[in-house]
Amino acid sequence: MKFRSYVAASLLALGVLCAAAPAFAADVHMFVRHEVTDYATWKKAYDGFRATQKKMGVVAQAVYQSVDNPNDVTVTHGFHSLEQAKAFAASPELKSAMEKAGVKGAPQIWYTTKGAK
């Protein structure tokens, strides 16, 4: 009987997690490509900015480096709306953090949504 209760509880928990998963899915992805003066310094600053990212609507993020130049960085951020993504990109907090982290020049920024099936 205990085994059945365990299985039932596990299935219930799995169902709750699966039902909640779409709430974390990003509808809009913002890509940012820029060169940094030193990747390690930039990455430390980037990681320190996570709480602000979350507060401003970032629901997913990833960091990529060019195979030819480790200081050529592309970052993706997921949002629930294009408005959130654009507000984040235009925020003074982000601009200040990028300057302090050693971003060289203006970044390339573009937005995407999932393609139609």
N, C-alpha and C. Protein backbone atom coordinates (compact mmCIF):
# COMPACT_ATOMS: atom_id res chain seq x y z
N MET A 1 0.83 -1.19 0.00
CA MET A 1 0.00 0.00 0.00
C MET A 1 0.87 1.25 0.00
N LYS A 2 1.98 1.24 0.75
CA LYS A 2 2.86 2.40 0.78
C LYS A 2 3.44 2.69 -0.61
N PHE A 3 3.74 1.62 -1.35
CA PHE A 3 4.29 1.79 -2.68
C PHE A 3 3.30 2.52 -3.59
N ARG A 4 2.02 2.14 -3.52
CA ARG A 4 0.99 2.80 -4.33
C ARG A 4 0.89 4.28 -3.98
N SER A 5 0.95 4.59 -2.70
CA SER A 5 0.89 5.99 -2.27
C SER A 5 2.09 6.77 -2.81
N TYR A 6 3.24 6.13 -2.77
CA TYR A 6 4.45 6.77 -3.29
C TYR A 6 4.32 7.03 -4.79
N VAL A 7 3.85 6.04 -5.53
CA VAL A 7 3.68 6.18 -6.97
C VAL A 7 2.65 7.26 -7.28
N ALA A 8 1.54 7.26 -6.57
CA ALA A 8 0.50 8.27 -6.79
C ALA A 8 1.03 9.67 -6.51
N ALA A 9 1.77 9.82 -5.42
CA ALA A 9 2.33 11.12 -5.07
C ALA A 9 3.35 11.57 -6.12
N SER A 10 4.15 10.63 -6.61
CA SER A 10 5.15 10.96 -7.64
C SER A 10 4.49 11.41 -8.93
N LEU A 11 3.44 10.69 -9.33
CA LEU A 11 2.73 11.07 -10.55
C LEU A 11 2.05 12.42 -10.41
N LEU A 12 1.50 12.68 -9.24
CA LEU A 12 0.87 13.98 -8.99
C LEU A 12 1.91 15.10 -9.08
N ALA A 13 3.06 14.88 -8.46
CA ALA A 13 4.12 15.89 -8.49
C ALA A 13 4.60 16.11 -9.92
N LEU A 14 4.75 15.05 -10.68
CA LEU A 14 5.18 15.16 -12.07
C LEU A 14 4.16 15.95 -12.89
N GLY A 15 2.87 15.69 -12.65
CA GLY A 15 1.81 16.41 -13.34
C GLY A 15 1.84 17.90 -13.03
N VAL A 16 2.09 18.24 -11.78
CA VAL A 16 2.19 19.65 -11.39
C VAL A 16 3.37 20.31 -12.08
N LEU A 17 4.50 19.63 -12.11
CA LEU A 17 5.69 20.19 -12.76
C LEU A 17 5.46 20.37 -14.26
N CYS A 18 4.84 19.42 -14.89
CA CYS A 18 4.58 19.52 -16.33
C CYS A 18 3.59 20.63 -16.64
N ALA A 19 2.60 20.78 -15.80
CA ALA A 19 1.62 21.85 -16.00
C ALA A 19 2.26 23.21 -15.80
N ALA A 20 3.24 23.30 -14.91
CA ALA A 20 3.89 24.58 -14.63
C ALA A 20 4.95 24.92 -15.66
N ALA A 21 5.44 23.95 -16.39
CA ALA A 21 6.54 24.18 -17.33
C ALA A 21 6.27 25.28 -18.34
N PRO A 22 5.07 25.37 -18.96
CA PRO A 22 4.85 26.43 -19.93
C PRO A 22 5.01 27.83 -19.33
N ALA A 23 4.83 27.99 -18.05
CA ALA A 23 4.98 29.30 -17.42
C ALA A 23 6.43 29.78 -17.49
N PHE A 24 7.36 28.85 -17.62
CA PHE A 24 8.77 29.22 -17.68
C PHE A 24 9.26 29.38 -19.11
N ALA A 25 8.49 28.96 -20.07
CA ALA A 25 8.91 29.02 -21.47
C ALA A 25 8.98 30.46 -21.95
N ALA A 26 9.99 30.75 -22.70
CA ALA A 26 10.16 32.10 -23.25
C ALA A 26 9.48 32.17 -24.62
N ASP A 27 8.73 33.23 -24.83
CA ASP A 27 8.06 33.45 -26.12
C ASP A 27 8.93 34.27 -27.07
N VAL A 28 9.79 35.10 -26.51
CA VAL A 28 10.67 35.98 -27.29
C VAL A 28 12.10 35.78 -26.81
N HIS A 29 13.01 35.67 -27.75
CA HIS A 29 14.43 35.57 -27.40
C HIS A 29 15.16 36.79 -27.94
N MET A 30 15.96 37.37 -27.08
CA MET A 30 16.80 38.51 -27.46
C MET A 30 18.23 37.99 -27.56
N PHE A 31 18.87 38.23 -28.68
CA PHE A 31 20.27 37.86 -28.89
C PHE A 31 21.11 39.13 -28.82
N VAL A 32 22.20 39.06 -28.09
CA VAL A 32 23.11 40.20 -27.96
C VAL A 32 24.52 39.70 -28.27
N ARG A 33 25.15 40.33 -29.26
CA ARG A 33 26.52 39.97 -29.59
C ARG A 33 27.41 41.19 -29.39
N HIS A 34 28.51 40.97 -28.68
CA HIS A 34 29.46 42.06 -28.45
C HIS A 34 30.83 41.48 -28.14
N GLU A 35 31.81 42.33 -28.29
CA GLU A 35 33.17 41.96 -27.91
C GLU A 35 33.45 42.53 -26.54
N VAL A 36 34.18 41.78 -25.72
CA VAL A 36 34.53 42.23 -24.37
C VAL A 36 36.05 42.30 -24.26
N THR A 37 36.52 43.11 -23.32
CA THR A 37 37.97 43.24 -23.17
C THR A 37 38.59 41.99 -22.56
N ASP A 38 37.88 41.34 -21.64
CA ASP A 38 38.37 40.12 -20.99
C ASP A 38 37.18 39.27 -20.59
N TYR A 39 37.08 38.06 -21.16
CA TYR A 39 35.90 37.23 -20.93
C TYR A 39 35.69 36.92 -19.45
N ALA A 40 36.73 36.55 -18.73
CA ALA A 40 36.59 36.17 -17.32
C ALA A 40 36.03 37.33 -16.49
N THR A 41 36.52 38.52 -16.74
CA THR A 41 36.02 39.71 -16.02
C THR A 41 34.57 39.97 -16.40
N TRP A 42 34.28 39.89 -17.69
CA TRP A 42 32.91 40.11 -18.16
C TRP A 42 31.95 39.09 -17.56
N LYS A 43 32.35 37.81 -17.56
CA LYS A 43 31.47 36.74 -17.07
C LYS A 43 31.15 36.92 -15.59
N LYS A 44 32.12 37.34 -14.82
CA LYS A 44 31.88 37.58 -13.39
C LYS A 44 30.84 38.69 -13.21
N ALA A 45 30.96 39.75 -13.98
CA ALA A 45 29.98 40.85 -13.92
C ALA A 45 28.62 40.38 -14.41
N TYR A 46 28.60 39.60 -15.47
CA TYR A 46 27.34 39.08 -16.03
C TYR A 46 26.62 38.23 -14.99
N ASP A 47 27.34 37.33 -14.35
CA ASP A 47 26.74 36.47 -13.34
C ASP A 47 26.21 37.29 -12.16
N GLY A 48 26.88 38.38 -11.83
CA GLY A 48 26.45 39.25 -10.74
C GLY A 48 25.20 40.06 -11.07
N PHE A 49 24.80 40.07 -12.33
CA PHE A 49 23.65 40.85 -12.80
C PHE A 49 22.38 40.00 -12.89
N ARG A 50 22.46 38.73 -12.51
CA ARG A 50 21.33 37.80 -12.68
C ARG A 50 20.07 38.24 -11.94
N ALA A 51 20.21 38.75 -10.73
CA ALA A 51 19.02 39.17 -9.98
C ALA A 51 18.29 40.29 -10.71
N THR A 52 19.03 41.21 -11.31
CA THR A 52 18.41 42.30 -12.07
C THR A 52 17.76 41.76 -13.33
N GLN A 53 18.42 40.81 -13.99
CA GLN A 53 17.83 40.18 -15.18
C GLN A 53 16.46 39.59 -14.83
N LYS A 54 16.42 38.84 -13.76
CA LYS A 54 15.18 38.19 -13.35
C LYS A 54 14.11 39.22 -13.02
N LYS A 55 14.49 40.26 -12.30
CA LYS A 55 13.55 41.32 -11.93
C LYS A 55 12.97 42.00 -13.17
N MET A 56 13.77 42.05 -14.25
CA MET A 56 13.34 42.73 -15.47
C MET A 56 12.70 41.78 -16.49
N GLY A 57 12.40 40.56 -16.08
CA GLY A 57 11.64 39.67 -16.94
C GLY A 57 12.38 38.58 -17.66
N VAL A 58 13.67 38.43 -17.43
CA VAL A 58 14.43 37.36 -18.09
C VAL A 58 14.02 36.01 -17.47
N VAL A 59 13.56 35.09 -18.31
CA VAL A 59 13.14 33.78 -17.82
C VAL A 59 14.09 32.66 -18.25
N ALA A 60 15.01 32.97 -19.16
CA ALA A 60 16.01 32.00 -19.61
C ALA A 60 17.20 32.79 -20.15
N GLN A 61 18.38 32.21 -20.03
CA GLN A 61 19.56 32.89 -20.56
C GLN A 61 20.64 31.87 -20.86
N ALA A 62 21.51 32.23 -21.79
CA ALA A 62 22.66 31.39 -22.14
C ALA A 62 23.76 32.28 -22.67
N VAL A 63 25.00 31.84 -22.49
CA VAL A 63 26.18 32.58 -22.94
C VAL A 63 26.97 31.70 -23.89
N TYR A 64 27.41 32.29 -25.01
CA TYR A 64 28.21 31.58 -26.00
C TYR A 64 29.44 32.42 -26.34
N GLN A 65 30.54 31.73 -26.62
CA GLN A 65 31.77 32.38 -27.07
C GLN A 65 32.11 31.90 -28.47
N SER A 66 32.68 32.79 -29.26
CA SER A 66 33.14 32.41 -30.59
C SER A 66 34.28 31.40 -30.45
N VAL A 67 34.33 30.43 -31.35
CA VAL A 67 35.42 29.46 -31.32
C VAL A 67 36.75 30.10 -31.76
N ASP A 68 36.66 31.22 -32.48
CA ASP A 68 37.87 31.89 -32.97
C ASP A 68 38.37 32.99 -32.04
N ASN A 69 37.48 33.53 -31.20
CA ASN A 69 37.85 34.64 -30.32
C ASN A 69 37.00 34.54 -29.04
N PRO A 70 37.59 34.11 -27.93
CA PRO A 70 36.82 33.93 -26.70
C PRO A 70 36.23 35.22 -26.14
N ASN A 71 36.69 36.36 -26.62
CA ASN A 71 36.14 37.64 -26.18
C ASN A 71 35.00 38.13 -27.07
N ASP A 72 34.64 37.35 -28.07
CA ASP A 72 33.48 37.61 -28.93
C ASP A 72 32.33 36.80 -28.34
N VAL A 73 31.41 37.48 -27.67
CA VAL A 73 30.38 36.82 -26.86
C VAL A 73 28.99 37.06 -27.45
N THR A 74 28.18 36.02 -27.48
CA THR A 74 26.77 36.13 -27.83
C THR A 74 25.97 35.60 -26.64
N VAL A 75 24.99 36.39 -26.22
CA VAL A 75 24.15 36.04 -25.08
C VAL A 75 22.71 35.98 -25.56
N THR A 76 21.95 35.01 -25.07
CA THR A 76 20.52 34.97 -25.34
C THR A 76 19.77 35.16 -24.03
N HIS A 77 18.67 35.89 -24.12
CA HIS A 77 17.78 36.08 -22.98
C HIS A 77 16.37 35.80 -23.46
N GLY A 78 15.63 35.02 -22.69
CA GLY A 78 14.24 34.72 -23.02
C GLY A 78 13.29 35.57 -22.20
N PHE A 79 12.20 35.99 -22.83
CA PHE A 79 11.19 36.84 -22.20
C PHE A 79 9.81 36.33 -22.59
N HIS A 80 8.80 36.74 -21.85
CA HIS A 80 7.42 36.40 -22.19
C HIS A 80 6.85 37.35 -23.24
N SER A 81 7.47 38.52 -23.43
CA SER A 81 6.93 39.46 -24.42
C SER A 81 8.07 40.28 -25.04
N LEU A 82 7.79 40.77 -26.24
CA LEU A 82 8.74 41.64 -26.93
C LEU A 82 8.93 42.94 -26.15
N GLU A 83 7.86 43.43 -25.53
CA GLU A 83 7.94 44.67 -24.75
C GLU A 83 8.92 44.52 -23.60
N GLN A 84 8.88 43.38 -22.89
CA GLN A 84 9.84 43.14 -21.81
C GLN A 84 11.26 43.11 -22.35
N ALA A 85 11.47 42.44 -23.46
CA ALA A 85 12.80 42.32 -24.05
C ALA A 85 13.36 43.69 -24.43
N LYS A 86 12.53 44.50 -25.08
CA LYS A 86 12.99 45.83 -25.50
C LYS A 86 13.23 46.75 -24.31
N ALA A 87 12.40 46.64 -23.28
CA ALA A 87 12.60 47.45 -22.07
C ALA A 87 13.91 47.06 -21.39
N PHE A 88 14.21 45.77 -21.35
CA PHE A 88 15.46 45.31 -20.77
C PHE A 88 16.65 45.84 -21.56
N ALA A 89 16.58 45.73 -22.89
CA ALA A 89 17.68 46.18 -23.74
C ALA A 89 17.93 47.68 -23.61
N ALA A 90 16.87 48.45 -23.36
CA ALA A 90 17.00 49.91 -23.26
C ALA A 90 17.27 50.40 -21.84
N SER A 91 17.33 49.50 -20.89
CA SER A 91 17.43 49.92 -19.49
C SER A 91 18.79 50.53 -19.16
N PRO A 92 18.78 51.59 -18.36
CA PRO A 92 20.04 52.19 -17.92
C PRO A 92 20.87 51.21 -17.07
N GLU A 93 20.20 50.31 -16.35
CA GLU A 93 20.92 49.33 -15.53
C GLU A 93 21.76 48.41 -16.40
N LEU A 94 21.20 47.97 -17.52
CA LEU A 94 21.94 47.10 -18.42
C LEU A 94 23.11 47.85 -19.06
N LYS A 95 22.85 49.06 -19.52
CA LYS A 95 23.91 49.85 -20.15
C LYS A 95 25.08 50.05 -19.18
N SER A 96 24.78 50.40 -17.95
CA SER A 96 25.81 50.61 -16.94
C SER A 96 26.58 49.32 -16.65
N ALA A 97 25.85 48.22 -16.51
CA ALA A 97 26.50 46.94 -16.23
C ALA A 97 27.42 46.52 -17.38
N MET A 98 26.98 46.76 -18.61
CA MET A 98 27.80 46.39 -19.77
C MET A 98 29.08 47.22 -19.82
N GLU A 99 28.97 48.51 -19.53
CA GLU A 99 30.15 49.38 -19.52
C GLU A 99 31.15 48.92 -18.46
N LYS A 100 30.64 48.64 -17.26
CA LYS A 100 31.51 48.22 -16.16
C LYS A 100 32.14 46.86 -16.42
N ALA A 101 31.44 46.01 -17.18
CA ALA A 101 31.94 44.65 -17.46
C ALA A 101 32.99 44.61 -18.57
N GLY A 102 33.18 45.72 -19.27
CA GLY A 102 34.19 45.77 -20.32
C GLY A 102 33.70 45.46 -21.71
N VAL A 103 32.42 45.73 -21.98
CA VAL A 103 31.90 45.56 -23.34
C VAL A 103 32.51 46.64 -24.22
N LYS A 104 33.04 46.22 -25.37
CA LYS A 104 33.69 47.15 -26.30
C LYS A 104 32.69 47.51 -27.41
N GLY A 105 32.39 48.79 -27.54
CA GLY A 105 31.53 49.25 -28.61
C GLY A 105 30.07 48.92 -28.39
N ALA A 106 29.28 49.24 -29.41
CA ALA A 106 27.83 49.00 -29.35
C ALA A 106 27.55 47.53 -29.66
N PRO A 107 26.66 46.91 -28.90
CA PRO A 107 26.32 45.51 -29.20
C PRO A 107 25.37 45.39 -30.38
N GLN A 108 25.38 44.24 -31.01
CA GLN A 108 24.35 43.90 -32.01
C GLN A 108 23.23 43.21 -31.24
N ILE A 109 21.99 43.69 -31.41
CA ILE A 109 20.85 43.11 -30.70
C ILE A 109 19.76 42.78 -31.71
N TRP A 110 19.20 41.58 -31.60
CA TRP A 110 18.05 41.21 -32.42
C TRP A 110 17.12 40.32 -31.61
N TYR A 111 15.87 40.28 -32.06
CA TYR A 111 14.82 39.56 -31.34
C TYR A 111 14.22 38.49 -32.24
N THR A 112 13.85 37.36 -31.65
CA THR A 112 13.25 36.27 -32.40
C THR A 112 12.06 35.68 -31.63
N THR A 113 11.18 35.02 -32.38
CA THR A 113 10.14 34.19 -31.80
C THR A 113 10.23 32.84 -32.49
N LYS A 114 9.59 31.85 -31.92
CA LYS A 114 9.62 30.52 -32.50
C LYS A 114 8.89 30.52 -33.84
N GLY A 115 9.49 29.87 -34.82
CA GLY A 115 8.91 29.82 -36.15
C GLY A 115 7.60 29.04 -36.19
N ALA A 116 6.79 29.35 -37.17
CA ALA A 116 5.51 28.66 -37.34
C ALA A 116 5.75 27.22 -37.73
N LYS A 117 4.85 26.35 -37.33
CA LYS A 117 4.99 24.92 -37.65
C LYS A 117 4.59 24.63 -39.06
